PDB file of N, CA and C in Angstrom:
ATOM      1  N   MET A   1      -5.934  32.231  12.162  1.00  0.00           N
ATOM      2  CA  MET A   1      -6.024  33.512  11.395  1.00  0.00           C
ATOM      3  C   MET A   1      -7.287  34.408  11.770  1.00  0.00           C
ATOM      4  N   GLU A   2      -6.746  35.618  11.730  1.00  0.00           N
ATOM      5  CA  GLU A   2      -7.714  36.558  12.436  1.00  0.00           C
ATOM      6  C   GLU A   2      -7.939  38.174  11.561  1.00  0.00           C
ATOM      7  N   PHE A   3      -9.173  38.323  10.967  1.00  0.00           N
ATOM      8  CA  PHE A   3      -8.906  39.798  10.452  1.00  0.00           C
ATOM      9  C   PHE A   3      -8.714  40.754  11.409  1.00  0.00           C
ATOM     10  N   ASP A   4      -8.322  41.458  11.048  1.00  0.00           N
ATOM     11  CA  ASP A   4      -8.603  42.739  11.970  1.00  0.00           C
ATOM     12  C   ASP A   4      -9.691  43.940  11.435  1.00  0.00           C
ATOM     13  N   LYS A   5     -10.780  43.656  12.454  1.00  0.00           N
ATOM     14  CA  LYS A   5     -12.392  44.467  12.232  1.00  0.00           C
ATOM     15  C   LYS A   5     -11.809  46.002  11.448  1.00  0.00           C
ATOM     16  N   LEU A   6     -10.753  46.532  11.799  1.00  0.00           N
ATOM     17  CA  LEU A   6     -10.854  47.847  11.385  1.00  0.00           C
ATOM     18  C   LEU A   6     -10.524  47.986   9.927  1.00  0.00           C
ATOM     19  N   VAL A   7      -9.969  47.109   9.355  1.00  0.00           N
ATOM     20  CA  VAL A   7      -9.207  46.917   8.164  1.00  0.00           C
ATOM     21  C   VAL A   7     -10.261  46.252   7.056  1.00  0.00           C
ATOM     22  N   HIS A   8     -10.787  45.315   7.786  1.00  0.00           N
ATOM     23  CA  HIS A   8     -11.647  44.226   6.613  1.00  0.00           C
ATOM     24  C   HIS A   8     -13.369  44.951   6.601  1.00  0.00           C
ATOM     25  N   GLN A   9     -13.144  45.539   7.472  1.00  0.00           N
ATOM     26  CA  GLN A   9     -14.890  46.300   7.098  1.00  0.00           C
ATOM     27  C   GLN A   9     -14.634  46.757   5.397  1.00  0.00           C
ATOM     28  N   PRO A  10     -15.695  46.142   4.268  1.00  0.00           N
ATOM     29  CA  PRO A  10     -15.484  46.679   3.761  1.00  0.00           C
ATOM     30  C   PRO A  10     -15.224  47.943   2.983  1.00  0.00           C
ATOM     31  N   THR A  11     -16.300  48.934   3.412  1.00  0.00           N
ATOM     32  CA  THR A  11     -16.157  50.390   2.944  1.00  0.00           C
ATOM     33  C   THR A  11     -14.476  50.816   3.657  1.00  0.00           C
ATOM     34  N   ARG A  12     -14.113  50.441   4.634  1.00  0.00           N
ATOM     35  CA  ARG A  12     -13.101  50.970   4.733  1.00  0.00           C
ATOM     36  C   ARG A  12     -11.901  50.133   4.378  1.00  0.00           C
ATOM     37  N   LEU A  13     -11.865  48.820   4.201  1.00  0.00           N
ATOM     38  CA  LEU A  13     -10.979  48.347   3.096  1.00  0.00           C
ATOM     39  C   LEU A  13     -10.272  48.870   1.718  1.00  0.00           C
ATOM     40  N   ARG A  14     -11.690  49.654   1.262  1.00  0.00           N
ATOM     41  CA  ARG A  14     -11.241  50.116  -0.024  1.00  0.00           C
ATOM     42  C   ARG A  14     -10.605  51.528   0.177  1.00  0.00           C
ATOM     43  N   ILE A  15     -11.415  51.604   1.649  1.00  0.00           N
ATOM     44  CA  ILE A  15     -10.229  53.623   1.813  1.00  0.00           C
ATOM     45  C   ILE A  15      -8.818  53.533   2.271  1.00  0.00           C
ATOM     46  N   PHE A  16      -8.646  52.177   2.724  1.00  0.00           N
ATOM     47  CA  PHE A  16      -7.198  51.792   3.100  1.00  0.00           C
ATOM     48  C   PHE A  16      -6.500  51.768   1.702  1.00  0.00           C
ATOM     49  N   ALA A  17      -7.230  50.694   0.710  1.00  0.00           N
ATOM     50  CA  ALA A  17      -6.437  50.384  -0.639  1.00  0.00           C
ATOM     51  C   ALA A  17      -6.509  51.509  -1.349  1.00  0.00           C
ATOM     52  N   HIS A  18      -7.307  52.000  -1.360  1.00  0.00           N
ATOM     53  CA  HIS A  18      -7.374  53.879  -2.515  1.00  0.00           C
ATOM     54  C   HIS A  18      -6.301  54.664  -1.637  1.00  0.00           C
ATOM     55  N   LEU A  19      -5.929  54.815  -0.362  1.00  0.00           N
ATOM     56  CA  LEU A  19      -5.007  55.849   0.159  1.00  0.00           C
ATOM     57  C   LEU A  19      -3.348  54.376   0.029  1.00  0.00           C
ATOM     58  N   TYR A  20      -3.113  53.570  -0.022  1.00  0.00           N
ATOM     59  CA  TYR A  20      -2.156  52.713   0.176  1.00  0.00           C
ATOM     60  C   TYR A  20      -1.773  53.057  -1.833  1.00  0.00           C
ATOM     61  N   ALA A  21      -2.763  52.832  -2.075  1.00  0.00           N
ATOM     62  CA  ALA A  21      -2.274  53.210  -3.738  1.00  0.00           C
ATOM     63  C   ALA A  21      -1.725  54.457  -4.355  1.00  0.00           C
ATOM     64  N   ASN A  22      -2.642  55.236  -3.947  1.00  0.00           N
ATOM     65  CA  ASN A  22      -2.488  56.693  -3.901  1.00  0.00           C
ATOM     66  C   ASN A  22      -1.336  57.556  -3.450  1.00  0.00           C
ATOM     67  N   GLY A  23      -1.246  57.399  -2.147  1.00  0.00           N
ATOM     68  CA  GLY A  23      -0.836  57.843  -1.345  1.00  0.00           C
ATOM     69  C   GLY A  23      -1.416  58.769  -0.587  1.00  0.00           C
ATOM     70  N   GLU A  24      -2.073  59.796  -1.120  1.00  0.00           N
ATOM     71  CA  GLU A  24      -3.110  60.883  -0.060  1.00  0.00           C
ATOM     72  C   GLU A  24      -4.332  61.002  -1.122  1.00  0.00           C
ATOM     73  N   ALA A  25      -5.271  61.766  -0.796  1.00  0.00           N
ATOM     74  CA  ALA A  25      -6.416  61.958  -1.467  1.00  0.00           C
ATOM     75  C   ALA A  25      -7.553  62.831  -0.936  1.00  0.00           C
ATOM     76  N   SER A  26      -8.240  63.735  -1.821  1.00  0.00           N
ATOM     77  CA  SER A  26      -8.929  64.731  -0.846  1.00  0.00           C
ATOM     78  C   SER A  26     -10.450  64.013  -0.633  1.00  0.00           C
ATOM     79  N   PHE A  27     -11.679  64.109   0.426  1.00  0.00           N
ATOM     80  CA  PHE A  27     -11.963  64.320   1.150  1.00  0.00           C
ATOM     81  C   PHE A  27     -13.111  64.208  -0.543  1.00  0.00           C
ATOM     82  N   THR A  28     -13.417  64.891  -1.377  1.00  0.00           N
ATOM     83  CA  THR A  28     -13.860  64.734  -2.424  1.00  0.00           C
ATOM     84  C   THR A  28     -13.839  63.855  -3.852  1.00  0.00           C
ATOM     85  N   ALA A  29     -12.232  63.725  -3.680  1.00  0.00           N
ATOM     86  CA  ALA A  29     -11.729  62.491  -4.665  1.00  0.00           C
ATOM     87  C   ALA A  29     -12.198  61.118  -4.238  1.00  0.00           C
ATOM     88  N   LEU A  30     -12.293  61.065  -2.734  1.00  0.00           N
ATOM     89  CA  LEU A  30     -12.573  60.010  -2.166  1.00  0.00           C
ATOM     90  C   LEU A  30     -13.832  59.675  -2.035  1.00  0.00           C
ATOM     91  N   THR A  31     -14.890  60.655  -2.423  1.00  0.00           N
ATOM     92  CA  THR A  31     -16.535  60.257  -2.099  1.00  0.00           C
ATOM     93  C   THR A  31     -17.111  59.796  -3.836  1.00  0.00           C
ATOM     94  N   GLU A  32     -15.695  60.776  -4.362  1.00  0.00           N
ATOM     95  CA  GLU A  32     -16.503  60.607  -5.804  1.00  0.00           C
ATOM     96  C   GLU A  32     -16.003  59.275  -6.633  1.00  0.00           C
ATOM     97  N   GLU A  33     -14.425  58.730  -6.465  1.00  0.00           N
ATOM     98  CA  GLU A  33     -14.132  57.758  -6.669  1.00  0.00           C
ATOM     99  C   GLU A  33     -14.829  56.422  -5.904  1.00  0.00           C
ATOM    100  N   LEU A  34     -14.445  56.588  -4.868  1.00  0.00           N
ATOM    101  CA  LEU A  34     -15.174  55.457  -4.092  1.00  0.00           C
ATOM    102  C   LEU A  34     -16.600  54.923  -3.747  1.00  0.00           C
ATOM    103  N   GLU A  35     -17.538  56.451  -4.538  1.00  0.00           N
ATOM    104  CA  GLU A  35     -18.926  56.666  -4.601  1.00  0.00           C
ATOM    105  C   GLU A  35     -19.728  56.204  -3.133  1.00  0.00           C
ATOM    106  N   ILE A  36     -19.024  56.796  -2.312  1.00  0.00           N
ATOM    107  CA  ILE A  36     -19.754  56.684  -0.851  1.00  0.00           C
ATOM    108  C   ILE A  36     -20.573  58.224  -0.637  1.00  0.00           C
ATOM    109  N   THR A  37     -21.195  58.567   0.334  1.00  0.00           N
ATOM    110  CA  THR A  37     -21.685  59.206   0.966  1.00  0.00           C
ATOM    111  C   THR A  37     -20.843  60.383   1.707  1.00  0.00           C
ATOM    112  N   GLU A  38     -20.631  61.144   1.952  1.00  0.00           N
ATOM    113  CA  GLU A  38     -19.855  62.306   2.585  1.00  0.00           C
ATOM    114  C   GLU A  38     -19.888  61.651   4.152  1.00  0.00           C
ATOM    115  N   GLY A  39     -21.440  61.398   4.306  1.00  0.00           N
ATOM    116  CA  GLY A  39     -21.614  61.052   6.290  1.00  0.00           C
ATOM    117  C   GLY A  39     -20.684  59.621   6.204  1.00  0.00           C
ATOM    118  N   ASN A  40     -20.803  58.912   4.867  1.00  0.00           N
ATOM    119  CA  ASN A  40     -20.546  57.245   5.260  1.00  0.00           C
ATOM    120  C   ASN A  40     -18.728  57.484   5.439  1.00  0.00           C
ATOM    121  N   LEU A  41     -18.222  58.329   4.284  1.00  0.00           N
ATOM    122  CA  LEU A  41     -16.680  59.072   4.421  1.00  0.00           C
ATOM    123  C   LEU A  41     -16.065  59.110   5.692  1.00  0.00           C
ATOM    124  N   ALA A  42     -17.083  60.555   6.329  1.00  0.00           N
ATOM    125  CA  ALA A  42     -16.375  61.277   7.410  1.00  0.00           C
ATOM    126  C   ALA A  42     -17.003  59.979   8.597  1.00  0.00           C
ATOM    127  N   SER A  43     -17.417  59.329   8.689  1.00  0.00           N
ATOM    128  CA  SER A  43     -17.418  58.489   9.716  1.00  0.00           C
ATOM    129  C   SER A  43     -16.301  57.045   9.820  1.00  0.00           C
ATOM    130  N   HIS A  44     -16.203  56.864   8.891  1.00  0.00           N
ATOM    131  CA  HIS A  44     -15.054  55.620   8.295  1.00  0.00           C
ATOM    132  C   HIS A  44     -13.750  56.683   8.867  1.00  0.00           C
ATOM    133  N   ILE A  45     -13.369  57.854   8.427  1.00  0.00           N
ATOM    134  CA  ILE A  45     -12.164  58.225   8.530  1.00  0.00           C
ATOM    135  C   ILE A  45     -12.418  58.759   9.433  1.00  0.00           C
ATOM    136  N   GLU A  46     -13.181  58.826  10.594  1.00  0.00           N
ATOM    137  CA  GLU A  46     -13.039  59.033  12.100  1.00  0.00           C
ATOM    138  C   GLU A  46     -12.588  57.841  12.785  1.00  0.00           C
ATOM    139  N   ARG A  47     -13.202  56.852  12.456  1.00  0.00           N
ATOM    140  CA  ARG A  47     -12.567  55.497  13.214  1.00  0.00           C
ATOM    141  C   ARG A  47     -11.457  55.555  13.310  1.00  0.00           C
ATOM    142  N   MET A  48     -10.720  55.547  11.578  1.00  0.00           N
ATOM    143  CA  MET A  48      -9.941  55.456  11.116  1.00  0.00           C
ATOM    144  C   MET A  48      -8.411  56.405  12.010  1.00  0.00           C
ATOM    145  N   GLU A  49      -8.972  57.250  11.775  1.00  0.00           N
ATOM    146  CA  GLU A  49      -8.199  58.716  12.723  1.00  0.00           C
ATOM    147  C   GLU A  49      -8.383  58.439  13.944  1.00  0.00           C
ATOM    148  N   ASP A  50      -9.230  57.702  14.676  1.00  0.00           N
ATOM    149  CA  ASP A  50      -9.292  57.501  16.114  1.00  0.00           C
ATOM    150  C   ASP A  50      -7.640  56.462  16.468  1.00  0.00           C
ATOM    151  N   ALA A  51      -8.158  55.439  15.401  1.00  0.00           N
ATOM    152  CA  ALA A  51      -7.009  54.243  15.444  1.00  0.00           C
ATOM    153  C   ALA A  51      -5.332  54.598  15.157  1.00  0.00           C
ATOM    154  N   ASP A  52      -5.399  55.714  14.599  1.00  0.00           N
ATOM    155  CA  ASP A  52      -4.056  56.380  14.130  1.00  0.00           C
ATOM    156  C   ASP A  52      -3.677  55.682  13.088  1.00  0.00           C
ATOM    157  N   CYS A  53      -4.504  55.391  11.829  1.00  0.00           N
ATOM    158  CA  CYS A  53      -4.060  54.388  11.022  1.00  0.00           C
ATOM    159  C   CYS A  53      -4.359  55.418   9.686  1.00  0.00           C
ATOM    160  N   VAL A  54      -4.815  56.964  10.041  1.00  0.00           N
ATOM    161  CA  VAL A  54      -5.002  58.003   8.893  1.00  0.00           C
ATOM    162  C   VAL A  54      -4.615  59.509   9.306  1.00  0.00           C
ATOM    163  N   ALA A  55      -3.754  60.271   8.431  1.00  0.00           N
ATOM    164  CA  ALA A  55      -3.492  61.210   8.879  1.00  0.00           C
ATOM    165  C   ALA A  55      -4.262  62.451   7.993  1.00  0.00           C
ATOM    166  N   VAL A  56      -5.065  63.655   8.620  1.00  0.00           N
ATOM    167  CA  VAL A  56      -5.676  63.824   8.548  1.00  0.00           C
ATOM    168  C   VAL A  56      -4.906  65.813   8.033  1.00  0.00           C
ATOM    169  N   ASP A  57      -4.890  66.207   6.702  1.00  0.00           N
ATOM    170  CA  ASP A  57      -4.027  67.554   6.701  1.00  0.00           C
ATOM    171  C   ASP A  57      -5.343  68.142   5.565  1.00  0.00           C
ATOM    172  N   LYS A  58      -5.549  69.491   6.760  1.00  0.00           N
ATOM    173  CA  LYS A  58      -6.444  70.418   6.564  1.00  0.00           C
ATOM    174  C   LYS A  58      -5.979  71.709   6.127  1.00  0.00           C
ATOM    175  N   GLU A  59      -5.930  72.711   5.135  1.00  0.00           N
ATOM    176  CA  GLU A  59      -5.240  73.550   4.556  1.00  0.00           C
ATOM    177  C   GLU A  59      -6.596  74.641   3.264  1.00  0.00           C
ATOM    178  N   PHE A  60      -6.321  75.746   2.988  1.00  0.00           N
ATOM    179  CA  PHE A  60      -6.949  76.688   2.494  1.00  0.00           C
ATOM    180  C   PHE A  60      -6.232  76.679   0.977  1.00  0.00           C
ATOM    181  N   VAL A  61      -6.970  76.872   0.104  1.00  0.00           N
ATOM    182  CA  VAL A  61      -6.487  76.554  -1.462  1.00  0.00           C
ATOM    183  C   VAL A  61      -7.512  77.697  -2.257  1.00  0.00           C
ATOM    184  N   ASP A  62      -6.905  78.594  -2.717  1.00  0.00           N
ATOM    185  CA  ASP A  62      -8.014  79.670  -3.049  1.00  0.00           C
ATOM    186  C   ASP A  62      -9.061  80.415  -2.340  1.00  0.00           C
ATOM    187  N   ARG A  63      -9.036  79.945  -1.174  1.00  0.00           N
ATOM    188  CA  ARG A  63      -9.643  80.700  -0.122  1.00  0.00           C
ATOM    189  C   ARG A  63     -10.827  79.337   0.333  1.00  0.00           C
ATOM    190  N   LYS A  64     -10.273  78.059  -0.600  1.00  0.00           N
ATOM    191  CA  LYS A  64     -11.647  77.186  -0.083  1.00  0.00           C
ATOM    192  C   LYS A  64     -11.048  75.850   0.601  1.00  0.00           C
ATOM    193  N   PRO A  65     -11.460  75.211   1.743  1.00  0.00           N
ATOM    194  CA  PRO A  65     -10.794  74.637   2.540  1.00  0.00           C
ATOM    195  C   PRO A  65     -10.709  73.325   1.782  1.00  0.00           C
ATOM    196  N   ARG A  66      -9.607  72.546   1.908  1.00  0.00           N
ATOM    197  CA  ARG A  66      -9.492  70.809   1.222  1.00  0.00           C
ATOM    198  C   ARG A  66      -8.888  70.328   2.106  1.00  0.00           C
ATOM    199  N   THR A  67      -9.445  69.442   2.642  1.00  0.00           N
ATOM    200  CA  THR A  67      -8.702  68.236   3.508  1.00  0.00           C
ATOM    201  C   THR A  67      -8.817  66.686   2.624  1.00  0.00           C
ATOM    202  N   THR A  68      -6.957  66.604   3.127  1.00  0.00           N
ATOM    203  CA  THR A  68      -6.513  65.878   2.050  1.00  0.00           C
ATOM    204  C   THR A  68      -6.334  64.681   3.422  1.00  0.00           C
ATOM    205  N   TYR A  69      -5.944  63.079   3.012  1.00  0.00           N
ATOM    206  CA  TYR A  69      -5.825  62.472   4.285  1.00  0.00           C
ATOM    207  C   TYR A  69      -4.831  61.218   3.889  1.00  0.00           C
ATOM    208  N   ARG A  70      -3.957  60.656   4.197  1.00  0.00           N
ATOM    209  CA  ARG A  70      -2.558  59.619   3.300  1.00  0.00           C
ATOM    210  C   ARG A  70      -2.910  58.629   5.182  1.00  0.00           C
ATOM    211  N   LEU A  71      -2.539  57.764   4.922  1.00  0.00           N
ATOM    212  CA  LEU A  71      -2.409  56.723   5.497  1.00  0.00           C
ATOM    213  C   LEU A  71      -0.923  56.771   6.498  1.00  0.00           C
ATOM    214  N   THR A  72      -1.079  56.561   8.045  1.00  0.00           N
ATOM    215  CA  THR A  72       0.275  56.716   8.719  1.00  0.00           C
ATOM    216  C   THR A  72       0.966  55.571   8.547  1.00  0.00           C
ATOM    217  N   GLU A  73       2.086  55.493   9.082  1.00  0.00           N
ATOM    218  CA  GLU A  73       2.927  53.936   9.589  1.00  0.00           C
ATOM    219  C   GLU A  73       1.995  52.668  10.034  1.00  0.00           C
ATOM    220  N   ARG A  74       1.647  53.254  10.893  1.00  0.00           N
ATOM    221  CA  ARG A  74       0.589  52.516  11.244  1.00  0.00           C
ATOM    222  C   ARG A  74      -0.719  51.476  10.320  1.00  0.00           C
ATOM    223  N   GLY A  75      -1.466  52.875   9.906  1.00  0.00           N
ATOM    224  CA  GLY A  75      -2.230  52.336   8.650  1.00  0.00           C
ATOM    225  C   GLY A  75      -1.548  51.323   7.533  1.00  0.00           C
ATOM    226  N   GLU A  76      -0.647  51.804   6.887  1.00  0.00           N
ATOM    227  CA  GLU A  76       0.240  51.130   5.898  1.00  0.00           C
ATOM    228  C   GLU A  76       0.067  49.780   6.514  1.00  0.00           C
ATOM    229  N   GLU A  77       0.638  49.453   7.905  1.00  0.00           N
ATOM    230  CA  GLU A  77       1.492  48.102   8.427  1.00  0.00           C
ATOM    231  C   GLU A  77      -0.140  47.587   8.437  1.00  0.00           C
ATOM    232  N   LEU A  78      -0.942  48.245   8.954  1.00  0.00           N
ATOM    233  CA  LEU A  78      -2.015  47.111   8.871  1.00  0.00           C
ATOM    234  C   LEU A  78      -2.780  46.507   8.268  1.00  0.00           C
ATOM    235  N   PHE A  79      -2.482  47.262   6.876  1.00  0.00           N
ATOM    236  CA  PHE A  79      -3.410  47.139   5.337  1.00  0.00           C
ATOM    237  C   PHE A  79      -2.390  46.252   4.950  1.00  0.00           C
ATOM    238  N   GLU A  80      -1.111  46.390   5.012  1.00  0.00           N
ATOM    239  CA  GLU A  80      -0.339  45.103   4.365  1.00  0.00           C
ATOM    240  C   GLU A  80      -0.302  44.192   5.689  1.00  0.00           C
ATOM    241  N   ASP A  81      -0.634  43.570   6.638  1.00  0.00           N
ATOM    242  CA  ASP A  81      -0.805  42.631   7.282  1.00  0.00           C
ATOM    243  C   ASP A  81      -2.126  42.548   7.026  1.00  0.00           C
ATOM    244  N   HIS A  82      -3.061  43.040   6.591  1.00  0.00           N
ATOM    245  CA  HIS A  82      -4.636  42.331   5.954  1.00  0.00           C
ATOM    246  C   HIS A  82      -3.942  41.773   5.035  1.00  0.00           C
ATOM    247  N   ILE A  83      -3.164  42.328   3.686  1.00  0.00           N
ATOM    248  CA  ILE A  83      -3.243  41.672   2.681  1.00  0.00           C
ATOM    249  C   ILE A  83      -2.510  40.130   2.673  1.00  0.00           C
ATOM    250  N   ASP A  84      -1.337  40.327   3.889  1.00  0.00           N
ATOM    251  CA  ASP A  84      -0.531  38.936   4.429  1.00  0.00           C
ATOM    252  C   ASP A  84      -2.032  37.488   4.793  1.00  0.00           C
ATOM    253  N   THR A  85      -2.480  38.267   5.656  1.00  0.00           N
ATOM    254  CA  THR A  85      -3.358  37.241   5.930  1.00  0.00           C
ATOM    255  C   THR A  85      -4.264  36.673   4.537  1.00  0.00           C
ATOM    256  N   LEU A  86      -4.712  37.661   4.029  1.00  0.00           N
ATOM    257  CA  LEU A  86      -5.577  37.262   2.870  1.00  0.00           C
ATOM    258  C   LEU A  86      -4.702  36.166   1.942  1.00  0.00           C
ATOM    259  N   GLU A  87      -3.488  36.750   1.609  1.00  0.00           N
ATOM    260  CA  GLU A  87      -2.463  35.870   0.968  1.00  0.00           C
ATOM    261  C   GLU A  87      -2.326  34.383   1.352  1.00  0.00           C
ATOM    262  N   ALA A  88      -2.138  34.297   2.573  1.00  0.00           N
ATOM    263  CA  ALA A  88      -2.182  32.933   3.309  1.00  0.00           C
ATOM    264  C   ALA A  88      -3.151  32.372   3.768  1.00  0.00           C
ATOM    265  N   LEU A  89      -4.366  32.898   3.469  1.00  0.00           N
ATOM    266  CA  LEU A  89      -5.462  32.120   3.164  1.00  0.00           C
ATOM    267  C   LEU A  89      -5.768  31.371   1.944  1.00  0.00           C
ATOM    268  N   ILE A  90      -5.505  32.157   1.203  1.00  0.00           N
ATOM    269  CA  ILE A  90      -5.266  31.361  -0.425  1.00  0.00           C
ATOM    270  C   ILE A  90      -4.355  30.713  -0.305  1.00  0.00           C
ATOM    271  N   ASP A  91      -3.319  31.100  -0.042  1.00  0.00           N
ATOM    272  CA  ASP A  91      -2.529  29.784  -0.041  1.00  0.00           C
ATOM    273  C   ASP A  91      -2.793  28.306   0.380  1.00  0.00           C
ATOM    274  N   GLY A  92      -3.325  28.483   1.870  1.00  0.00           N
ATOM    275  CA  GLY A  92      -3.921  27.264   2.502  1.00  0.00           C
ATOM    276  C   GLY A  92      -5.005  27.045   1.168  1.00  0.00           C
ATOM    277  N   LEU A  93      -5.862  27.289   0.844  1.00  0.00           N
ATOM    278  CA  LEU A  93      -7.179  26.963   0.113  1.00  0.00           C
ATOM    279  C   LEU A  93      -5.928  26.656  -0.923  1.00  0.00           C
ATOM    280  N   GLU A  94      -4.921  27.057  -1.653  1.00  0.00           N
ATOM    281  CA  GLU A  94      -4.529  25.925  -3.384  1.00  0.00           C
ATOM    282  C   GLU A  94      -4.256  24.676  -2.432  1.00  0.00           C
ATOM    283  N   ALA A  95      -3.427  24.721  -1.471  1.00  0.00           N
ATOM    284  CA  ALA A  95      -2.692  23.205  -0.442  1.00  0.00           C
ATOM    285  C   ALA A  95      -3.797  22.474  -0.604  1.00  0.00           C
ATOM    286  N   ASP A  96      -5.103  23.191   0.025  1.00  0.00           N
ATOM    287  CA  ASP A  96      -6.122  21.466   0.137  1.00  0.00           C
ATOM    288  C   ASP A  96      -6.296  21.300  -1.281  1.00  0.00           C
ATOM    289  N   ASP A  97      -6.338  22.053  -2.283  1.00  0.00           N
ATOM    290  CA  ASP A  97      -6.866  21.147  -3.198  1.00  0.00           C
ATOM    291  C   ASP A  97      -5.556  20.378  -4.110  1.00  0.00           C
ATOM    292  N   SER A  98      -4.551  20.580  -3.537  1.00  0.00           N
ATOM    293  CA  SER A  98      -3.336  19.580  -4.017  1.00  0.00           C
ATOM    294  C   SER A  98      -3.487  18.177  -3.522  1.00  0.00           C
TER     295      SER A  98
END
């Protein structure tokens, strides 16, 4: 049983979980809700984007740029696989207690 290092990293795991639960989020919302710096978020999003796990949408709203992120199909699959791995680990621990 191995964890995918892209998903398992704590900050990225929180980003994956937030996007999975909410569908999409703006850069500002992610920094505020996850309480991470802009630079930290940007580096993790870049890594996720390079792995084809997050889609980036850029647009102007009232003449201001807005960047929104959402998980790609691959990103959703990796996150779900990670959850399955965690659940299998927990099930294995419970079986050991029996």
